[in-house]
Amino acid sequence: MMHPKQSARGLRALAAVAALAFAASPALAQEKVKVGLMLPYTGTYAALGNAITNGFKLAITEQGGKLGGRDIEYYTVDDESDPAKAPENANKLIKRDRVDVVVGTVHSGVAMAMAKAAKDNNALLLIPNAGADVITGPMCAPNIIRTSFTNSGPGVAMGKVAADRGYKTAVTLTWKYAAGEESTGGFKQAFEKAGGKVVKEMTLPFPNVEFQAFLTEIASIKPDAVYVFFAGGGAVKLVKDYDAAGLKKTIPLLGPGFLTDGTLEAQGASADGLLTTLHYADQLDNPKNNAFRAAYKKAYGVEPDVYAMQGYDSGQLLAAGAKAVGGDMSRRDALIKAMQTAKIDSPRGPFSLSKANNPVQDYYLRRVENKQNKSIGVAIKAYEDPAVGCKM
């Protein structure tokens, strides 16, 4: 017969072994899901990075503040919209902090470096904005998922709209970097396919905002329309300068929605009447958008924009994947498959992912009215980026 003291010691030993076994299983121990946020929090795109972060966290709040039932620990890196710093910043999150998922970013050049790091390390990357076509084209991979758009998509939509409106000639103007050149390229492709002609393609270095020489040249060319790609502070200055030069009254200014999203307060009356194309509009009348806008304003005291919506949908998509694997982020294949096959009830309208992990979605034609981007119709229904070069 065992002595009581021996029995107690035995029970304590068994308890210790059980505790070690429990701690050895992350799913059982409910270790926190590590989420890395690599976004711009300073510089030209700071407001965009903050909106994405707010939207993402709102979606997680609606899941009880958890992912698949597990608490979350955030790791945040300011990418400064600087591609040169992107590899080091991405590796901090992937290799040093060993996050379960990286969420980012805004700038396409930075995102391309992030995508390379994700491919090299088989890390899960969720892109809530940057639309570089190549990421879901030649660089596509199962572990790289985008919830926003391709840069060329809104341009394709506006090229079709411009041709439908009877415009025959156009000039394009953008920062000389991937996002701008792909956006204006999409516009040119669709506009010229429909019989129009881009008579001049103008670029300037990012983030230069000295537009006067270009506006003077546009005035002399007298095209039927001008298509531009700018966002953030650059979009504010371009719209105001275009109006001040007297061009707004004579040559329609067109662009993707980023021209007027998150910028309308600063642009003021100069933005009135501008036409843009995007996969979202402020007052889309569907139950999900109405609920999202009310919840976002209550949480943050401001109206959400497209960046906030994309951050929100990134959170929704990740939550759908995490739920499917019971919060066990190590079940990577099942997690990704659940995200790839999810049907997301989004403020933009329902969307799903293409085989290249890019949204299949409607693009809306919007007009600025009373400091809102109001939808006045659908420019392209259920647009799926061709994902040229994707071998996934």
Protein backbone atom coordinates (compact mmCIF):
# COMPACT_ATOMS: atom_id res chain seq x y z
CA MET A 1 0.00 0.00 0.00
CA MET A 2 1.37 3.45 -1.00
CA HIS A 3 2.20 5.90 1.80
CA PRO A 4 -0.04 9.04 1.73
CA LYS A 5 3.02 11.27 1.21
CA GLN A 6 4.17 9.12 -1.71
CA SER A 7 0.65 9.24 -3.13
CA ALA A 8 0.59 13.03 -2.90
CA ARG A 9 4.00 13.27 -4.53
CA GLY A 10 2.79 10.99 -7.32
CA LEU A 11 -0.30 13.06 -7.94
CA ARG A 12 1.79 16.23 -8.03
CA ALA A 13 4.16 14.60 -10.52
CA LEU A 14 1.25 13.52 -12.71
CA ALA A 15 -0.19 17.04 -12.53
CA ALA A 16 3.17 18.49 -13.55
CA VAL A 17 3.42 16.13 -16.53
CA ALA A 18 -0.13 17.01 -17.56
CA ALA A 19 0.65 20.71 -17.29
CA LEU A 20 3.73 20.30 -19.49
CA ALA A 21 1.74 18.38 -22.05
CA PHE A 22 -0.94 21.06 -22.04
CA ALA A 23 1.65 23.81 -22.48
CA ALA A 24 3.28 21.92 -25.34
CA SER A 25 0.13 22.19 -27.43
CA PRO A 26 -0.43 25.75 -28.71
CA ALA A 27 -4.04 24.98 -29.63
CA LEU A 28 -4.79 23.64 -26.15
CA ALA A 29 -2.85 26.33 -24.33
CA GLN A 30 -4.62 28.98 -26.39
CA GLU A 31 -1.42 30.77 -27.26
CA LYS A 32 -2.06 34.10 -28.92
CA VAL A 33 -2.28 34.44 -32.68
CA LYS A 34 0.55 36.72 -33.79
CA VAL A 35 -0.57 39.28 -36.36
CA GLY A 36 2.07 41.49 -37.99
CA LEU A 37 0.87 44.84 -39.32
CA MET A 38 3.33 46.33 -41.81
CA LEU A 39 1.76 49.56 -43.01
CA PRO A 40 2.64 53.25 -43.49
CA TYR A 41 2.11 55.19 -40.28
CA THR A 42 4.16 58.25 -41.32
CA GLY A 43 4.51 60.16 -44.60
CA THR A 44 2.23 60.52 -47.62
CA TYR A 45 0.21 57.38 -46.93
CA ALA A 46 -0.04 57.57 -43.13
CA ALA A 47 -3.79 58.21 -43.12
CA LEU A 48 -4.29 55.18 -45.36
CA GLY A 49 -2.27 52.92 -43.09
CA ASN A 50 -4.23 54.05 -40.05
CA ALA A 51 -7.58 53.52 -41.80
CA ILE A 52 -6.60 49.98 -42.80
CA THR A 53 -5.49 49.22 -39.25
CA ASN A 54 -8.73 50.59 -37.81
CA GLY A 55 -10.85 48.61 -40.25
CA PHE A 56 -8.94 45.39 -39.59
CA LYS A 57 -9.27 45.74 -35.83
CA LEU A 58 -12.98 46.55 -36.13
CA ALA A 59 -13.54 43.23 -37.93
CA ILE A 60 -11.63 41.42 -35.17
CA THR A 61 -13.65 43.23 -32.50
CA GLU A 62 -16.79 41.89 -34.14
CA GLN A 63 -15.31 38.41 -33.67
CA GLY A 64 -15.08 39.01 -29.93
CA GLY A 65 -11.53 40.29 -30.25
CA LYS A 66 -10.26 36.82 -31.16
CA LEU A 67 -9.28 34.73 -34.19
CA GLY A 68 -10.71 31.23 -34.14
CA GLY A 69 -11.30 31.64 -30.42
CA ARG A 70 -7.72 32.66 -29.67
CA ASP A 71 -6.50 36.01 -28.37
CA ILE A 72 -4.37 38.17 -30.67
CA GLU A 73 -1.01 39.84 -30.22
CA TYR A 74 -0.20 42.61 -32.71
CA TYR A 75 3.29 43.40 -33.97
CA THR A 76 3.46 46.73 -35.80
CA VAL A 77 6.06 48.06 -38.24
CA ASP A 78 5.96 51.45 -40.00
CA ASP A 79 7.04 50.68 -43.56
CA GLU A 80 7.38 54.42 -44.36
CA SER A 81 6.29 53.62 -47.96
CA ASP A 82 9.98 52.92 -48.62
CA PRO A 83 10.70 49.88 -50.83
CA ALA A 84 14.40 49.96 -49.84
CA LYS A 85 13.49 49.22 -46.22
CA ALA A 86 10.83 46.63 -47.05
CA PRO A 87 12.93 43.41 -47.00
CA GLU A 88 14.37 44.21 -43.56
CA ASN A 89 10.98 45.25 -42.17
CA ALA A 90 9.22 42.16 -43.51
CA ASN A 91 11.92 39.87 -42.13
CA LYS A 92 11.59 41.46 -38.69
CA LEU A 93 8.01 40.23 -38.57
CA ILE A 94 8.56 36.89 -40.28
CA LYS A 95 11.87 35.76 -38.79
CA ARG A 96 12.29 37.71 -35.55
CA ASP A 97 8.72 37.96 -34.31
CA ARG A 98 7.56 34.75 -36.05
CA VAL A 99 4.09 36.13 -36.73
CA ASP A 100 1.35 33.82 -38.02
CA VAL A 101 0.28 36.31 -40.68
CA VAL A 102 1.63 39.56 -42.12
CA VAL A 103 -0.94 42.22 -43.09
CA GLY A 104 0.26 44.94 -45.47
CA THR A 105 0.65 47.25 -47.28
CA VAL A 106 -0.35 50.38 -49.25
CA HIS A 107 2.63 51.12 -51.53
CA SER A 108 2.99 48.64 -54.41
CA GLY A 109 6.79 48.78 -54.43
CA VAL A 110 6.89 47.86 -50.75
CA ALA A 111 4.28 45.14 -51.25
CA MET A 112 6.35 43.51 -54.01
CA ALA A 113 9.28 43.18 -51.60
CA MET A 114 6.90 41.80 -48.97
CA ALA A 115 5.54 39.26 -51.45
CA LYS A 116 9.09 38.09 -52.23
CA ALA A 117 9.82 37.67 -48.52
CA ALA A 118 6.54 35.78 -48.08
CA LYS A 119 7.40 33.42 -50.97
CA ASP A 120 10.97 32.87 -49.75
CA ASN A 121 9.80 32.02 -46.22
CA ASN A 122 6.40 30.45 -46.97
CA ALA A 123 4.82 33.13 -44.77
CA LEU A 124 1.13 34.00 -44.97
CA LEU A 125 0.71 37.49 -46.46
CA LEU A 126 -2.62 39.29 -46.55
CA ILE A 127 -2.58 42.42 -48.73
CA PRO A 128 -5.27 44.99 -47.81
CA ASN A 129 -4.44 47.56 -50.49
CA ALA A 130 -1.34 47.50 -52.71
CA GLY A 131 -2.53 46.54 -56.17
CA ALA A 132 0.67 45.65 -58.03
CA ASP A 133 -0.56 43.43 -60.87
CA VAL A 134 2.54 41.22 -60.67
CA ILE A 135 1.72 40.06 -57.12
CA THR A 136 -1.27 38.06 -58.33
CA GLY A 137 0.35 37.57 -61.72
CA PRO A 138 3.87 36.08 -62.05
CA MET A 139 4.50 36.33 -58.27
CA CYS A 140 1.27 34.59 -57.29
CA ALA A 141 1.37 31.93 -54.57
CA PRO A 142 -1.18 30.15 -52.36
CA ASN A 143 0.13 31.99 -49.27
CA ILE A 144 -0.27 35.46 -50.85
CA ILE A 145 -3.85 36.72 -50.72
CA ARG A 146 -5.21 40.15 -51.65
CA THR A 147 -8.50 41.68 -50.50
CA SER A 148 -8.40 44.89 -52.52
CA PHE A 149 -7.82 45.14 -56.29
CA THR A 150 -5.18 45.09 -58.99
CA ASN A 151 -3.82 48.48 -59.99
CA SER A 152 -5.03 48.07 -63.54
CA GLY A 153 -8.62 47.15 -62.55
CA PRO A 154 -10.06 50.60 -61.79
CA GLY A 155 -8.25 51.95 -64.85
CA VAL A 156 -9.83 49.30 -67.06
CA ALA A 157 -13.23 50.27 -65.66
CA MET A 158 -12.67 54.00 -66.30
CA GLY A 159 -11.31 53.38 -69.80
CA LYS A 160 -14.59 51.68 -70.64
CA VAL A 161 -16.60 54.54 -69.07
CA ALA A 162 -14.61 57.20 -70.96
CA ALA A 163 -15.20 55.47 -74.27
CA ASP A 164 -18.89 54.97 -73.47
CA ARG A 165 -19.13 58.72 -72.86
CA GLY A 166 -17.81 59.43 -76.33
CA TYR A 167 -14.35 60.71 -75.43
CA LYS A 168 -11.90 60.17 -78.29
CA THR A 169 -8.60 61.50 -76.89
CA ALA A 170 -7.05 61.43 -73.42
CA VAL A 171 -3.87 62.32 -71.55
CA THR A 172 -2.63 60.31 -68.54
CA LEU A 173 -0.62 61.66 -65.60
CA THR A 174 0.80 59.70 -62.66
CA TRP A 175 3.70 59.20 -60.31
CA LYS A 176 6.31 57.03 -62.04
CA TYR A 177 5.97 53.86 -60.03
CA ALA A 178 4.17 50.52 -60.30
CA ALA A 179 0.75 51.58 -59.00
CA GLY A 180 0.46 54.62 -61.24
CA GLU A 181 1.84 53.04 -64.39
CA GLU A 182 -0.39 49.97 -64.05
CA SER A 183 -3.45 52.12 -63.38
CA THR A 184 -2.89 54.36 -66.39
CA GLY A 185 -1.95 51.26 -68.39
CA GLY A 186 -5.30 49.66 -67.57
CA PHE A 187 -7.08 52.85 -68.64
CA LYS A 188 -5.13 53.03 -71.92
CA GLN A 189 -5.78 49.38 -72.72
CA ALA A 190 -9.56 49.61 -72.26
CA PHE A 191 -9.92 53.11 -73.76
CA GLU A 192 -7.98 52.27 -76.92
CA LYS A 193 -9.67 48.87 -77.26
CA ALA A 194 -12.95 50.80 -77.43
CA GLY A 195 -11.63 53.18 -80.11
CA GLY A 196 -10.11 56.02 -78.08
CA LYS A 197 -6.51 57.26 -78.18
CA VAL A 198 -4.15 58.22 -75.34
CA VAL A 199 -2.21 61.04 -76.98
CA LYS A 200 0.25 61.72 -74.15
CA GLU A 201 1.49 59.74 -71.13
CA MET A 202 3.00 61.97 -68.41
CA THR A 203 4.87 60.88 -65.27
CA LEU A 204 6.75 62.48 -62.39
CA PRO A 205 8.82 60.94 -59.56
CA PHE A 206 7.06 59.80 -56.35
CA PRO A 207 6.19 61.71 -54.17
CA ASN A 208 6.79 64.91 -56.21
CA VAL A 209 3.72 67.17 -56.36
CA GLU A 210 4.92 69.95 -58.67
CA PHE A 211 2.18 69.72 -61.30
CA GLN A 212 2.17 73.14 -62.96
CA ALA A 213 4.26 72.29 -66.03
CA PHE A 214 2.05 69.26 -66.74
CA LEU A 215 -1.15 71.25 -66.35
CA THR A 216 0.15 73.87 -68.77
CA GLU A 217 0.89 71.15 -71.34
CA ILE A 218 -2.54 69.59 -70.87
CA ALA A 219 -4.14 72.97 -71.52
CA SER A 220 -2.25 73.21 -74.82
CA ILE A 221 -3.06 69.64 -75.93
CA LYS A 222 -6.80 70.02 -75.17
CA PRO A 223 -7.67 66.31 -74.85
CA ASP A 224 -11.26 65.18 -74.34
CA ALA A 225 -10.33 63.87 -70.85
CA VAL A 226 -7.43 63.43 -68.42
CA TYR A 227 -6.93 60.23 -66.43
CA VAL A 228 -4.67 60.49 -63.38
CA PHE A 229 -3.43 58.24 -60.61
CA PHE A 230 -2.61 59.92 -57.29
CA ALA A 231 -3.55 59.17 -53.69
CA GLY A 232 -3.21 60.75 -50.27
CA GLY A 233 -1.55 64.16 -50.14
CA GLY A 234 -0.65 64.03 -53.84
CA ALA A 235 -4.30 63.55 -54.79
CA VAL A 236 -5.30 66.56 -52.70
CA LYS A 237 -2.80 68.86 -54.39
CA LEU A 238 -3.47 67.59 -57.93
CA VAL A 239 -7.25 68.10 -57.67
CA LYS A 240 -6.87 71.58 -56.20
CA ASP A 241 -4.20 72.59 -58.73
CA TYR A 242 -6.26 71.24 -61.65
CA ASP A 243 -9.21 73.35 -60.52
CA ALA A 244 -7.07 76.43 -59.90
CA ALA A 245 -5.62 76.16 -63.42
CA GLY A 246 -9.16 76.41 -64.82
CA LEU A 247 -9.00 72.96 -66.41
CA LYS A 248 -11.83 71.40 -64.42
CA LYS A 249 -14.41 73.44 -66.33
CA THR A 250 -13.19 72.42 -69.79
CA ILE A 251 -11.47 68.99 -69.61
CA PRO A 252 -13.02 66.25 -67.44
CA LEU A 253 -10.62 64.88 -64.80
CA LEU A 254 -10.99 61.11 -64.32
CA GLY A 255 -9.26 58.66 -62.05
CA PRO A 256 -9.50 55.56 -59.90
CA GLY A 257 -11.30 56.05 -56.60
CA PHE A 258 -8.06 56.69 -54.72
CA LEU A 259 -8.09 60.18 -56.20
CA THR A 260 -11.02 61.13 -53.98
CA ASP A 261 -11.05 58.50 -51.21
CA GLY A 262 -9.92 59.81 -47.84
CA THR A 263 -9.14 63.17 -49.45
CA LEU A 264 -12.48 64.92 -49.98
CA GLU A 265 -12.35 67.10 -46.87
CA ALA A 266 -8.99 68.51 -47.91
CA GLN A 267 -9.95 68.83 -51.59
CA GLY A 268 -13.11 70.77 -50.78
CA ALA A 269 -15.14 72.22 -53.63
CA SER A 270 -12.36 71.41 -56.13
CA ALA A 271 -13.48 67.77 -56.07
CA ASP A 272 -17.18 68.43 -56.72
CA GLY A 273 -18.48 66.45 -59.68
CA LEU A 274 -15.32 64.40 -60.26
CA LEU A 275 -15.89 60.91 -61.70
CA THR A 276 -13.92 57.95 -60.40
CA THR A 277 -14.14 54.15 -60.62
CA LEU A 278 -13.61 51.81 -57.69
CA HIS A 279 -14.85 48.62 -56.05
CA TYR A 280 -16.48 50.70 -53.29
CA ALA A 281 -18.57 53.83 -52.84
CA ASP A 282 -19.42 55.66 -49.62
CA GLN A 283 -23.17 55.16 -49.61
CA LEU A 284 -23.65 51.78 -51.24
CA ASP A 285 -27.08 50.81 -50.02
CA ASN A 286 -26.70 47.30 -48.67
CA PRO A 287 -27.17 46.06 -45.09
CA LYS A 288 -23.50 45.17 -44.58
CA ASN A 289 -22.25 48.58 -45.68
CA ASN A 290 -24.79 50.41 -43.55
CA ALA A 291 -23.79 48.37 -40.49
CA PHE A 292 -20.08 48.75 -41.22
CA ARG A 293 -20.25 52.51 -41.63
CA ALA A 294 -22.22 52.95 -38.41
CA ALA A 295 -19.86 50.71 -36.43
CA TYR A 296 -16.73 52.37 -37.81
CA LYS A 297 -17.97 55.87 -37.07
CA LYS A 298 -18.98 54.85 -33.55
CA ALA A 299 -15.56 53.27 -32.93
CA TYR A 300 -13.34 55.96 -34.46
CA GLY A 301 -15.45 59.11 -34.76
CA VAL A 302 -14.96 59.48 -38.52
CA GLU A 303 -16.56 58.09 -41.68
CA PRO A 304 -14.76 55.07 -43.19
CA ASP A 305 -13.23 55.12 -46.66
CA VAL A 306 -12.13 52.42 -49.09
CA TYR A 307 -8.94 51.80 -47.11
CA ALA A 308 -10.89 51.19 -43.92
CA MET A 309 -13.22 48.85 -45.83
CA GLN A 310 -10.28 46.87 -47.25
CA GLY A 311 -8.74 46.55 -43.80
CA TYR A 312 -12.10 45.39 -42.49
CA ASP A 313 -12.44 42.75 -45.20
CA SER A 314 -8.89 41.54 -44.55
CA GLY A 315 -9.96 40.96 -40.96
CA GLN A 316 -13.17 39.26 -42.09
CA LEU A 317 -11.30 36.94 -44.46
CA LEU A 318 -8.64 36.01 -41.90
CA ALA A 319 -11.37 35.38 -39.31
CA ALA A 320 -13.14 33.03 -41.73
CA GLY A 321 -9.93 31.06 -42.22
CA ALA A 322 -9.10 30.98 -38.51
CA LYS A 323 -12.60 29.79 -37.64
CA ALA A 324 -12.28 26.89 -40.08
CA VAL A 325 -9.12 25.62 -38.36
CA GLY A 326 -10.29 26.31 -34.81
CA GLY A 327 -7.63 28.96 -34.36
CA ASP A 328 -4.78 26.54 -35.12
CA MET A 329 -2.75 28.72 -37.48
CA SER A 330 -0.22 25.94 -37.96
CA ARG A 331 -2.80 24.14 -40.13
CA ARG A 332 -1.65 26.33 -43.00
CA ASP A 333 -3.09 24.42 -45.96
CA ALA A 334 -6.56 24.20 -44.39
CA LEU A 335 -6.40 27.84 -43.31
CA ILE A 336 -5.55 29.01 -46.83
CA LYS A 337 -8.13 26.76 -48.48
CA ALA A 338 -10.83 28.14 -46.18
CA MET A 339 -9.86 31.70 -47.13
CA GLN A 340 -9.72 30.87 -50.85
CA THR A 341 -13.22 29.38 -50.83
CA ALA A 342 -14.88 31.89 -48.49
CA LYS A 343 -17.75 34.06 -49.70
CA ILE A 344 -17.29 37.37 -47.93
CA ASP A 345 -20.26 39.57 -47.10
CA SER A 346 -18.45 42.83 -47.69
CA PRO A 347 -19.52 46.48 -47.49
CA ARG A 348 -18.56 46.63 -51.20
CA GLY A 349 -21.03 43.82 -51.95
CA PRO A 350 -20.28 40.08 -51.79
CA PHE A 351 -16.93 38.98 -53.18
CA SER A 352 -14.90 35.81 -53.55
CA LEU A 353 -11.31 35.14 -54.55
CA SER A 354 -10.11 34.22 -58.02
CA LYS A 355 -7.70 31.35 -58.61
CA ALA A 356 -4.90 33.90 -58.28
CA ASN A 357 -6.17 34.96 -54.80
CA ASN A 358 -7.50 38.31 -55.99
CA PRO A 359 -11.10 39.54 -55.48
CA VAL A 360 -13.74 39.00 -58.15
CA GLN A 361 -15.88 42.11 -57.70
CA ASP A 362 -17.95 44.91 -59.20
CA TYR A 363 -16.40 48.26 -60.07
CA TYR A 364 -18.66 51.26 -59.50
CA LEU A 365 -18.79 54.59 -61.31
CA ARG A 366 -18.80 57.26 -58.60
CA ARG A 367 -19.41 61.02 -58.61
CA VAL A 368 -18.34 63.38 -55.83
CA GLU A 369 -21.40 65.01 -54.28
CA ASN A 370 -21.42 66.88 -50.96
CA LYS A 371 -18.04 65.44 -49.96
CA GLN A 372 -19.15 61.86 -50.64
CA ASN A 373 -18.21 59.37 -53.36
CA LYS A 374 -21.69 58.39 -54.52
CA SER A 375 -22.25 55.43 -56.80
CA ILE A 376 -24.09 56.37 -59.99
CA GLY A 377 -23.90 52.91 -61.56
CA VAL A 378 -21.78 49.82 -62.13
CA ALA A 379 -18.88 50.34 -64.54
CA ILE A 380 -17.94 46.63 -64.77
CA LYS A 381 -19.80 43.70 -63.22
CA ALA A 382 -17.90 40.86 -61.46
CA TYR A 383 -14.52 41.89 -62.88
CA GLU A 384 -11.81 39.25 -62.56
CA ASP A 385 -8.26 40.37 -63.16
CA PRO A 386 -6.67 38.23 -65.93
CA ALA A 387 -3.69 37.47 -63.61
CA VAL A 388 -1.32 37.19 -66.57
CA GLY A 389 1.67 35.02 -65.70
CA CYS A 390 0.15 33.32 -62.66
CA LYS A 391 1.10 29.63 -62.63
CA MET A 392 -0.55 28.67 -59.33
